[in-house]
């Protein structure tokens, strides 16, 4: 049978298996990504085939491959065809789900086979194998493991097919020599028990997708045709969602407009372990940043800010300050995601500075605040994270070297750890001992840069509170940023498992 004739749908596979089992045949099932088909896979399939009469293989779709934004290296049609081309494989199909759990329930094989590297389910970072084992028992099948040499597709791709330029591959080789994979992953796991307060401006990000249809006949203006729209929870809401994926509980403090509050939408978008504390501005609506986007290229045409530019009343400031004074002694970390739209006033800043056990800050320069909202509005921070254009605005220096600027601001803020993000150039970090480290960017596929800084802040603030080594701090931030730029706006928050999988894909050691 030709390889393409063996590629069938998952529904067809279920029907064939049912018929085979009715005729007394023993069906063996293998499942995986199979991104780079190698000798380890071939021997795995051959051993599995000897366990029964028929071998069927399901392949993870591209959209569910969570080994980092640079994977899979080969698209799903080629991966399925590659598997089907092997003589020992009888049928191959593209899976419809992220894991094999639902697949097993649908196919009902006699035996489900995994490689020997999965024998120790505790070593599986994803927890997928344990869940699949539970389903295998549920359907009355047998879970079996092959015994052979273990090769890593991830390592082979990193060594021979990496999309990263040579200088980044060299950097990763040096990073592996300085830090172990487990050391980096342990820092992420240790974030779980941190008690965190996130405070800042709520922003509703609205994307209006359009198709350009020409120039207006009346005015020299671009005419566009509406296609669709998305609404995302941005600003401090995005930061809170990111943080909540790494810790048990997050307290959120923010300001909503009393008219057009978007409160129901916000509640629907916040993760379940976020506990919000809202102050309502009677004279304002909740801030909306409406972006008009060309639907094919995803190029942003222009933005409309819906904001009243109001400020909190002294009573509202006092209410927030009193809440902070009560809660801050019970927390490990306060993150000020300050977008400069009034949610963090001077009295609130001073309360954070005096009372927070560890204060992490970001002061974003945007079109609604540029020129009067800079990091020096804070007299102290334990950790500060700003973009290069923001530090240059603060120091009024467009061409100078970053290191003297960072030294100056670190001393001015009495700030032990200071990061400047540089987009495609990565980030530059000043550590608590005065050391400076540069970490390159790991982003390859850029969909949208909006929200990447929020994701970077979320990760690095948590790591800084744990006193992570300077270089690991920047490494984790750039991993988070690389994942965030692959998402349109704040469509979804970056979860712990995606970060771990990406780190493994970057740092995985040779295994043979």
Protein backbone atom coordinates (compact mmCIF):
# COMPACT_ATOMS: atom_id res chain seq x y z
CA UNK A 1 0.00 0.00 0.00
CA UNK A 2 1.33 3.47 -0.91
CA UNK A 3 2.02 5.91 1.93
CA UNK A 4 -0.75 8.29 0.88
CA UNK A 5 -3.26 5.45 0.80
CA UNK A 6 -2.46 4.71 4.45
CA UNK A 7 -3.27 8.29 5.53
CA UNK A 8 -6.89 8.34 6.67
CA UNK A 9 -9.11 10.48 8.89
CA UNK A 10 -9.39 9.80 12.60
CA UNK A 11 -13.03 8.75 12.09
CA UNK A 12 -12.05 6.27 9.38
CA UNK A 13 -9.37 4.90 11.68
CA UNK A 14 -11.92 4.32 14.45
CA UNK A 15 -14.20 2.44 12.05
CA UNK A 16 -11.35 0.26 10.74
CA UNK A 17 -10.18 -0.58 14.28
CA UNK A 18 -13.70 -1.58 15.28
CA UNK A 19 -13.86 -3.95 12.31
CA UNK A 20 -10.38 -5.37 12.98
CA UNK A 21 -11.15 -6.06 16.62
CA UNK A 22 -14.44 -7.70 15.65
CA UNK A 23 -12.37 -10.13 13.56
CA UNK A 24 -10.05 -10.91 16.47
CA UNK A 25 -7.14 -8.70 15.43
CA UNK A 26 -4.96 -7.06 18.09
CA UNK A 27 -4.58 -3.34 17.33
CA UNK A 28 -1.56 -1.37 18.57
CA UNK A 29 -1.68 2.43 18.78
CA UNK A 30 1.23 4.92 18.83
CA UNK A 31 0.87 8.69 19.16
CA UNK A 32 3.18 11.69 19.01
CA UNK A 33 4.48 14.74 17.17
CA UNK A 34 7.13 12.94 15.08
CA UNK A 35 8.54 16.25 13.91
CA UNK A 36 11.85 14.88 12.70
CA UNK A 37 11.46 11.20 11.84
CA UNK A 38 14.63 9.43 13.00
CA UNK A 39 15.98 5.95 13.73
CA UNK A 40 14.60 6.08 17.26
CA UNK A 41 11.07 6.52 15.91
CA UNK A 42 11.53 3.73 13.36
CA UNK A 43 12.67 1.23 15.99
CA UNK A 44 9.88 2.38 18.31
CA UNK A 45 7.27 1.67 15.60
CA UNK A 46 8.84 -1.68 14.70
CA UNK A 47 8.78 -2.86 18.32
CA UNK A 48 5.20 -1.65 18.72
CA UNK A 49 4.16 -3.47 15.54
CA UNK A 50 5.49 -6.77 16.93
CA UNK A 51 3.15 -6.42 19.93
CA UNK A 52 0.02 -6.96 17.80
CA UNK A 53 -1.42 -7.54 14.36
CA UNK A 54 -2.02 -3.97 13.15
CA UNK A 55 -0.20 -0.71 13.98
CA UNK A 56 -2.03 2.61 13.79
CA UNK A 57 -0.34 5.95 14.47
CA UNK A 58 -1.90 9.32 15.26
CA UNK A 59 0.04 12.56 14.82
CA UNK A 60 -0.35 15.80 16.79
CA UNK A 61 -1.67 18.70 14.65
CA UNK A 62 0.50 21.79 14.19
CA UNK A 63 -1.79 23.94 16.35
CA UNK A 64 -1.25 21.69 19.38
CA UNK A 65 2.53 21.26 19.13
CA UNK A 66 3.70 23.05 22.27
CA UNK A 67 7.47 22.67 22.00
CA UNK A 68 8.11 26.37 21.43
CA UNK A 69 7.16 28.96 18.79
CA UNK A 70 9.73 27.53 16.34
CA UNK A 71 8.05 24.11 16.26
CA UNK A 72 6.99 22.05 14.48
CA UNK A 73 9.85 22.17 12.01
CA UNK A 74 7.76 20.18 9.52
CA UNK A 75 4.03 20.84 8.84
CA UNK A 76 1.41 18.26 9.74
CA UNK A 77 0.81 16.85 6.21
CA UNK A 78 4.49 15.97 5.86
CA UNK A 79 4.70 14.52 9.37
CA UNK A 80 1.69 12.24 8.76
CA UNK A 81 2.98 11.19 5.34
CA UNK A 82 6.43 10.47 6.78
CA UNK A 83 4.95 8.13 9.39
CA UNK A 84 2.71 6.42 6.82
CA UNK A 85 5.68 5.77 4.52
CA UNK A 86 7.12 3.27 7.01
CA UNK A 87 6.39 -0.36 6.13
CA UNK A 88 5.59 -1.30 9.73
CA UNK A 89 2.82 1.31 9.98
CA UNK A 90 -0.57 0.16 8.68
CA UNK A 91 -2.54 3.41 9.06
CA UNK A 92 -1.75 7.01 10.03
CA UNK A 93 -4.11 9.85 10.92
CA UNK A 94 -3.95 13.44 12.11
CA UNK A 95 -5.26 13.79 15.64
CA UNK A 96 -7.98 16.34 16.51
CA UNK A 97 -7.04 17.04 20.13
CA UNK A 98 -3.98 18.31 22.06
CA UNK A 99 -3.31 14.90 23.64
CA UNK A 100 -4.18 11.26 23.00
CA UNK A 101 -6.83 11.07 25.73
CA UNK A 102 -9.89 11.64 23.54
CA UNK A 103 -8.16 9.77 20.72
CA UNK A 104 -7.85 6.66 22.86
CA UNK A 105 -11.52 6.85 23.82
CA UNK A 106 -12.47 7.11 20.15
CA UNK A 107 -10.12 4.46 18.73
CA UNK A 108 -10.30 1.85 21.54
CA UNK A 109 -7.03 0.04 20.65
CA UNK A 110 -5.89 -3.13 22.43
CA UNK A 111 -2.44 -1.75 23.25
CA UNK A 112 -1.15 1.83 23.59
CA UNK A 113 2.63 2.04 23.22
CA UNK A 114 5.03 4.74 24.40
CA UNK A 115 8.81 4.97 24.24
CA UNK A 116 11.00 3.91 27.15
CA UNK A 117 11.72 7.55 28.06
CA UNK A 118 8.11 7.85 29.27
CA UNK A 119 8.26 4.97 31.78
CA UNK A 120 8.80 7.38 34.65
CA UNK A 121 5.58 9.38 34.54
CA UNK A 122 6.86 11.70 37.29
CA UNK A 123 9.54 12.94 34.89
CA UNK A 124 6.89 13.99 32.36
CA UNK A 125 6.64 17.78 32.75
CA UNK A 126 3.29 17.96 30.97
CA UNK A 127 1.45 15.32 32.99
CA UNK A 128 0.03 14.01 29.70
CA UNK A 129 1.35 10.47 30.13
CA UNK A 130 -0.31 10.04 33.53
CA UNK A 131 -3.63 11.23 32.09
CA UNK A 132 -3.28 8.95 29.07
CA UNK A 133 -2.48 6.01 31.36
CA UNK A 134 -5.72 6.69 33.22
CA UNK A 135 -7.70 6.59 29.95
CA UNK A 136 -5.95 3.37 28.88
CA UNK A 137 -7.24 1.71 32.07
CA UNK A 138 -10.66 3.27 31.52
CA UNK A 139 -11.07 1.65 28.07
CA UNK A 140 -9.64 -1.71 29.17
CA UNK A 141 -6.50 -1.46 27.04
CA UNK A 142 -2.86 -2.15 27.94
CA UNK A 143 -0.12 0.47 28.26
CA UNK A 144 3.22 -0.85 26.99
CA UNK A 145 6.70 0.64 26.63
CA UNK A 146 9.38 -0.11 24.09
CA UNK A 147 12.97 -0.83 25.14
CA UNK A 148 15.62 0.72 22.91
CA UNK A 149 17.95 3.64 22.33
CA UNK A 150 16.35 7.03 22.92
CA UNK A 151 16.89 9.90 20.51
CA UNK A 152 15.48 13.40 20.83
CA UNK A 153 13.86 15.14 17.86
CA UNK A 154 14.17 18.40 19.77
CA UNK A 155 17.91 17.99 20.22
CA UNK A 156 18.45 16.89 16.61
CA UNK A 157 16.48 19.88 15.33
CA UNK A 158 18.42 22.22 17.62
CA UNK A 159 21.72 20.79 16.37
CA UNK A 160 21.06 20.41 12.65
CA UNK A 161 17.84 22.21 11.67
CA UNK A 162 17.62 25.15 14.06
CA UNK A 163 15.88 28.27 12.78
CA UNK A 164 18.05 30.37 15.06
CA UNK A 165 21.13 32.15 13.67
CA UNK A 166 24.56 30.92 14.66
CA UNK A 167 25.11 33.56 17.36
CA UNK A 168 21.96 32.52 19.24
CA UNK A 169 22.88 28.84 18.99
CA UNK A 170 26.30 29.70 20.42
CA UNK A 171 24.66 31.67 23.22
CA UNK A 172 22.40 28.74 24.11
CA UNK A 173 25.40 26.38 24.17
CA UNK A 174 27.14 28.69 26.65
CA UNK A 175 23.95 29.09 28.71
CA UNK A 176 23.67 25.28 29.00
CA UNK A 177 27.19 25.19 30.42
CA UNK A 178 26.35 27.78 33.08
CA UNK A 179 22.89 26.56 34.10
CA UNK A 180 21.14 23.21 34.01
CA UNK A 181 17.68 22.73 32.55
CA UNK A 182 16.40 21.63 35.95
CA UNK A 183 17.77 24.76 37.62
CA UNK A 184 15.74 26.94 35.27
CA UNK A 185 12.58 24.84 35.59
CA UNK A 186 12.85 24.83 39.39
CA UNK A 187 12.65 28.62 39.45
CA UNK A 188 9.33 28.45 37.59
CA UNK A 189 7.99 25.80 39.97
CA UNK A 190 9.07 27.84 42.99
CA UNK A 191 6.84 30.72 41.87
CA UNK A 192 3.73 28.78 42.83
CA UNK A 193 3.55 29.83 46.47
CA UNK A 194 4.27 33.53 45.96
CA UNK A 195 1.53 35.85 47.21
CA UNK A 196 1.14 38.59 44.60
CA UNK A 197 -0.72 41.88 44.24
CA UNK A 198 -1.00 43.35 40.75
CA UNK A 199 -2.09 46.98 40.46
CA UNK A 200 -2.53 49.22 37.44
CA UNK A 201 -4.70 50.50 34.62
CA UNK A 202 -7.42 48.41 33.01
CA UNK A 203 -7.36 48.65 29.22
CA UNK A 204 -9.82 47.01 26.86
CA UNK A 205 -7.98 46.20 23.63
CA UNK A 206 -10.32 46.18 20.66
CA UNK A 207 -9.15 45.00 17.24
CA UNK A 208 -11.25 46.02 14.23
CA UNK A 209 -10.18 43.93 11.23
CA UNK A 210 -10.70 45.65 7.89
CA UNK A 211 -9.97 45.28 4.19
CA UNK A 212 -8.66 48.33 2.37
CA UNK A 213 -10.88 49.24 -0.58
CA UNK A 214 -9.21 52.41 -1.83
CA UNK A 215 -9.10 56.14 -1.29
CA UNK A 216 -12.22 58.09 -0.36
CA UNK A 217 -13.66 60.07 -3.28
CA UNK A 218 -14.32 63.07 -1.03
CA UNK A 219 -11.14 63.28 1.02
CA UNK A 220 -7.53 62.03 0.86
CA UNK A 221 -8.34 59.26 3.34
CA UNK A 222 -8.01 55.48 3.20
CA UNK A 223 -11.36 53.71 2.91
CA UNK A 224 -11.67 50.31 4.58
CA UNK A 225 -14.38 47.68 4.76
CA UNK A 226 -15.23 46.12 8.12
CA UNK A 227 -14.56 42.37 8.39
CA UNK A 228 -14.66 41.34 12.05
CA UNK A 229 -13.47 42.35 15.48
CA UNK A 230 -11.90 40.96 18.66
CA UNK A 231 -11.96 42.28 22.20
CA UNK A 232 -9.19 41.43 24.66
CA UNK A 233 -8.53 42.11 28.34
CA UNK A 234 -5.38 44.24 28.25
CA UNK A 235 -3.32 46.45 30.50
CA UNK A 236 -3.14 45.27 34.09
CA UNK A 237 -5.71 42.55 33.32
CA UNK A 238 -3.25 40.88 30.95
CA UNK A 239 -0.48 41.08 33.55
CA UNK A 240 -2.74 39.54 36.20
CA UNK A 241 -3.72 36.69 33.86
CA UNK A 242 -0.09 35.92 33.00
CA UNK A 243 0.97 35.97 36.66
CA UNK A 244 -1.96 33.80 37.74
CA UNK A 245 -0.69 30.97 35.51
CA UNK A 246 2.40 30.66 37.70
CA UNK A 247 1.11 31.32 41.24
CA UNK A 248 -1.78 30.03 43.31
CA UNK A 249 -3.50 33.35 43.90
CA UNK A 250 -3.37 36.92 42.57
CA UNK A 251 -4.99 40.02 44.04
CA UNK A 252 -5.85 42.59 41.38
CA UNK A 253 -6.38 46.29 42.10
CA UNK A 254 -7.63 48.48 39.27
CA UNK A 255 -9.97 51.28 38.25
CA UNK A 256 -13.04 50.88 36.03
CA UNK A 257 -15.24 53.59 34.60
CA UNK A 258 -18.71 53.68 36.12
CA UNK A 259 -20.23 54.15 32.68
CA UNK A 260 -19.29 51.54 30.08
CA UNK A 261 -17.42 49.63 32.76
CA UNK A 262 -16.99 46.38 30.77
CA UNK A 263 -17.16 44.64 34.15
CA UNK A 264 -19.02 41.56 32.95
CA UNK A 265 -16.58 41.13 30.08
CA UNK A 266 -13.62 41.57 32.43
CA UNK A 267 -14.97 38.98 34.85
CA UNK A 268 -15.35 36.52 31.99
CA UNK A 269 -11.73 37.05 30.93
CA UNK A 270 -9.95 36.84 34.29
CA UNK A 271 -8.51 33.51 35.37
CA UNK A 272 -10.30 31.79 38.24
CA UNK A 273 -7.54 32.41 40.80
CA UNK A 274 -7.58 36.20 40.40
CA UNK A 275 -9.36 38.14 43.14
CA UNK A 276 -10.21 41.64 41.86
CA UNK A 277 -10.71 44.81 43.87
CA UNK A 278 -12.35 47.49 41.72
CA UNK A 279 -12.62 51.22 42.22
CA UNK A 280 -15.19 52.94 40.01
CA UNK A 281 -14.53 56.35 38.47
CA UNK A 282 -17.92 58.07 38.37
CA UNK A 283 -16.83 60.56 35.73
CA UNK A 284 -15.27 58.17 33.25
CA UNK A 285 -15.69 55.07 31.14
CA UNK A 286 -13.27 52.17 31.21
CA UNK A 287 -10.33 52.83 28.87
CA UNK A 288 -10.64 51.29 25.41
CA UNK A 289 -7.84 51.26 22.85
CA UNK A 290 -9.37 50.51 19.48
CA UNK A 291 -6.96 49.41 16.77
CA UNK A 292 -7.94 49.23 13.12
CA UNK A 293 -6.05 46.36 11.51
CA UNK A 294 -5.69 45.35 7.85
CA UNK A 295 -7.16 41.86 7.94
CA UNK A 296 -4.72 40.08 5.62
CA UNK A 297 -1.33 41.49 6.61
CA UNK A 298 -2.41 42.31 10.21
CA UNK A 299 -0.74 45.71 9.83
CA UNK A 300 -2.26 48.27 12.19
CA UNK A 301 -3.62 51.29 10.32
CA UNK A 302 -4.41 53.58 13.24
CA UNK A 303 -5.66 53.62 16.84
CA UNK A 304 -8.49 55.37 18.65
CA UNK A 305 -8.21 55.89 22.42
CA UNK A 306 -11.49 56.05 24.32
CA UNK A 307 -10.39 57.66 27.57
CA UNK A 308 -11.54 60.59 29.67
CA UNK A 309 -8.23 61.51 31.26
CA UNK A 310 -9.83 61.75 34.68
CA UNK A 311 -8.18 61.25 38.05
CA UNK A 312 -9.14 59.52 41.26
CA UNK A 313 -10.77 61.54 44.01
CA UNK A 314 -8.92 61.86 47.35
CA UNK A 315 -11.51 59.51 48.86
CA UNK A 316 -10.85 56.87 46.20
CA UNK A 317 -7.10 57.23 46.61
CA UNK A 318 -7.53 56.76 50.34
CA UNK A 319 -9.67 53.68 49.81
CA UNK A 320 -7.00 52.04 47.64
CA UNK A 321 -4.19 53.07 50.01
CA UNK A 322 -6.02 51.62 53.01
CA UNK A 323 -6.63 48.37 51.15
CA UNK A 324 -2.94 48.18 50.22
CA UNK A 325 -1.81 48.90 53.77
CA UNK A 326 -3.91 45.98 54.95
CA UNK A 327 -2.90 43.50 52.23
CA UNK A 328 0.74 44.29 51.44
CA UNK A 329 2.20 42.87 54.68
CA UNK A 330 0.71 39.49 53.70
CA UNK A 331 2.23 39.46 50.21
CA UNK A 332 5.62 38.61 48.77
CA UNK A 333 5.43 40.82 45.70
CA UNK A 334 3.57 43.83 44.37
CA UNK A 335 3.63 44.45 40.62
CA UNK A 336 2.80 47.97 39.45
CA UNK A 337 1.76 47.76 35.80
CA UNK A 338 1.58 51.52 35.39
CA UNK A 339 0.29 52.58 31.98
CA UNK A 340 0.06 56.21 33.06
CA UNK A 341 -3.72 56.56 32.83
CA UNK A 342 -4.42 57.45 36.45
CA UNK A 343 -4.94 54.17 38.31
CA UNK A 344 -1.70 54.64 40.27
CA UNK A 345 -1.65 58.18 41.64
CA UNK A 346 1.12 59.73 43.75
CA UNK A 347 -0.37 58.67 47.14
CA UNK A 348 -0.82 55.12 45.83
CA UNK A 349 2.75 55.06 44.49
CA UNK A 350 4.06 56.21 47.84
CA UNK A 351 2.08 53.53 49.67
CA UNK A 352 3.51 50.86 47.39
CA UNK A 353 7.03 52.20 47.86
CA UNK A 354 6.77 52.29 51.66
CA UNK A 355 4.76 49.13 52.28
CA UNK A 356 5.48 46.56 49.55
CA UNK A 357 7.94 43.85 50.68
CA UNK A 358 9.16 43.63 47.06
CA UNK A 359 8.05 46.17 44.47
CA UNK A 360 8.32 45.49 40.73
CA UNK A 361 7.42 48.34 38.38
CA UNK A 362 6.87 49.06 34.72
CA UNK A 363 6.01 52.55 33.48
CA UNK A 364 4.86 52.28 29.90
CA UNK A 365 5.28 55.22 27.55
CA UNK A 366 2.36 55.27 25.13
CA UNK A 367 0.53 57.77 22.95
CA UNK A 368 -1.76 58.68 25.84
CA UNK A 369 0.99 59.65 28.28
CA UNK A 370 4.21 60.22 26.38
CA UNK A 371 6.39 62.96 27.81
CA UNK A 372 5.08 63.03 31.38
CA UNK A 373 5.01 59.38 32.48
CA UNK A 374 8.48 58.01 33.17
CA UNK A 375 10.02 55.61 35.67
CA UNK A 376 11.44 58.38 37.88
CA UNK A 377 7.91 59.05 39.14
CA UNK A 378 8.80 56.22 41.52
CA UNK A 379 11.42 57.07 44.14
CA UNK A 380 12.17 53.39 44.78
CA UNK A 381 11.64 49.93 43.33
CA UNK A 382 13.21 46.56 44.00
CA UNK A 383 12.86 45.63 40.34
CA UNK A 384 12.20 47.81 37.30
CA UNK A 385 11.48 46.72 33.75
CA UNK A 386 11.16 49.26 30.94
CA UNK A 387 11.74 49.38 27.18
CA UNK A 388 14.75 51.02 25.55
CA UNK A 389 12.73 53.96 24.19
CA UNK A 390 11.37 54.52 27.71
CA UNK A 391 14.79 54.75 29.36
CA UNK A 392 15.97 57.08 26.60
CA UNK A 393 12.92 59.27 27.21
CA UNK A 394 13.69 59.30 30.92
CA UNK A 395 17.35 60.25 30.44
CA UNK A 396 16.74 62.50 27.39
CA UNK A 397 19.48 60.59 25.57
CA UNK A 398 18.69 59.16 22.14
CA UNK A 399 22.12 57.82 21.18
CA UNK A 400 24.00 57.13 24.42
CA UNK A 401 25.05 53.73 25.72
CA UNK A 402 22.50 51.94 27.87
CA UNK A 403 24.78 50.86 30.68
CA UNK A 404 25.46 54.35 32.13
CA UNK A 405 21.74 55.15 31.90
CA UNK A 406 20.84 51.97 33.75
CA UNK A 407 23.49 52.61 36.41
CA UNK A 408 22.16 56.12 36.93
CA UNK A 409 18.53 55.05 37.22
CA UNK A 410 19.29 52.02 39.39
CA UNK A 411 21.00 54.31 41.88
CA UNK A 412 18.29 56.97 41.62
CA UNK A 413 15.55 54.41 42.31
CA UNK A 414 17.63 52.42 44.78
CA UNK A 415 16.73 49.52 42.50
CA UNK A 416 18.68 46.28 42.87
CA UNK A 417 17.58 44.72 39.55
CA UNK A 418 16.91 46.65 36.37
CA UNK A 419 15.96 45.35 32.91
CA UNK A 420 15.74 47.19 29.61
CA UNK A 421 13.89 45.32 26.85
CA UNK A 422 15.14 45.90 23.31
CA UNK A 423 12.68 44.12 21.01
CA UNK A 424 14.47 41.92 18.48
CA UNK A 425 17.77 42.72 20.23
CA UNK A 426 16.67 40.91 23.39
CA UNK A 427 17.20 42.50 26.78
CA UNK A 428 19.92 44.03 28.94
CA UNK A 429 19.95 43.33 32.67
CA UNK A 430 21.68 44.97 35.61
CA UNK A 431 21.86 42.48 38.45
CA UNK A 432 21.76 43.04 42.19
CA UNK A 433 25.56 42.80 42.43
CA UNK A 434 26.04 45.42 39.72
CA UNK A 435 26.74 42.87 36.98
CA UNK A 436 25.42 43.43 33.45
CA UNK A 437 24.18 40.66 31.15
CA UNK A 438 22.74 40.74 27.63
CA UNK A 439 20.31 37.99 26.56
CA UNK A 440 19.25 37.65 22.89
CA UNK A 441 15.68 37.44 21.68
CA UNK A 442 14.21 34.00 21.00
CA UNK A 443 11.25 35.23 18.95
CA UNK A 444 11.02 33.85 15.42
CA UNK A 445 7.36 34.15 14.46
CA UNK A 446 5.92 37.58 15.19
CA UNK A 447 2.16 37.93 14.95
CA UNK A 448 1.65 40.96 17.20
CA UNK A 449 3.96 42.82 19.57
CA UNK A 450 1.11 44.24 21.66
CA UNK A 451 1.20 42.65 25.11
CA UNK A 452 4.73 41.23 24.84
CA UNK A 453 6.05 43.72 27.40
CA UNK A 454 3.27 42.79 29.83
CA UNK A 455 4.18 39.11 29.50
CA UNK A 456 7.88 39.91 29.98
CA UNK A 457 7.14 41.96 33.12
CA UNK A 458 4.94 39.21 34.58
CA UNK A 459 7.62 36.54 34.33
CA UNK A 460 10.63 38.62 35.33
CA UNK A 461 8.90 40.19 38.33
CA UNK A 462 8.16 36.73 39.74
CA UNK A 463 11.70 35.51 39.04
CA UNK A 464 13.23 38.66 40.55
CA UNK A 465 11.20 38.20 43.74
CA UNK A 466 12.76 34.73 44.00
CA UNK A 467 16.24 36.26 43.56
CA UNK A 468 16.86 34.30 40.36
CA UNK A 469 20.36 34.68 38.86
CA UNK A 470 20.65 37.73 36.62
CA UNK A 471 21.05 35.84 33.35
CA UNK A 472 18.19 33.43 34.08
CA UNK A 473 16.02 36.48 34.78
CA UNK A 474 16.58 37.77 31.25
CA UNK A 475 16.36 34.30 29.74
CA UNK A 476 12.93 33.66 31.27
CA UNK A 477 11.70 37.09 30.22
CA UNK A 478 12.75 36.53 26.61
CA UNK A 479 11.11 33.10 26.57
CA UNK A 480 7.88 34.69 27.76
CA UNK A 481 8.18 37.50 25.24
CA UNK A 482 8.83 35.09 22.36
CA UNK A 483 5.65 33.20 23.20
CA UNK A 484 3.64 36.42 23.57
CA UNK A 485 4.56 37.86 20.15
CA UNK A 486 3.11 34.71 18.59
CA UNK A 487 -0.36 35.61 19.91
CA UNK A 488 -2.68 38.26 18.48
CA UNK A 489 -3.04 40.92 21.17
CA UNK A 490 -3.96 39.45 24.54
CA UNK A 491 -6.08 36.68 23.05
CA UNK A 492 -4.66 34.24 25.59
CA UNK A 493 -2.30 34.41 28.53
CA UNK A 494 0.97 32.50 28.50
CA UNK A 495 0.71 29.39 30.68
CA UNK A 496 3.33 27.58 32.70
CA UNK A 497 3.44 24.46 30.56
CA UNK A 498 4.03 26.41 27.34
CA UNK A 499 6.95 28.20 28.99
CA UNK A 500 8.42 24.94 30.28
CA UNK A 501 8.08 23.25 26.91
CA UNK A 502 9.78 26.16 25.17
CA UNK A 503 12.63 26.10 27.68
CA UNK A 504 13.07 22.36 27.19
CA UNK A 505 13.15 22.88 23.43
CA UNK A 506 15.94 25.44 23.85
CA UNK A 507 18.05 23.69 26.47
CA UNK A 508 17.47 19.97 25.97
CA UNK A 509 20.74 18.04 26.28
CA UNK A 510 21.97 15.34 23.92
CA UNK A 511 20.30 11.98 24.59
CA UNK A 512 21.47 8.87 22.76
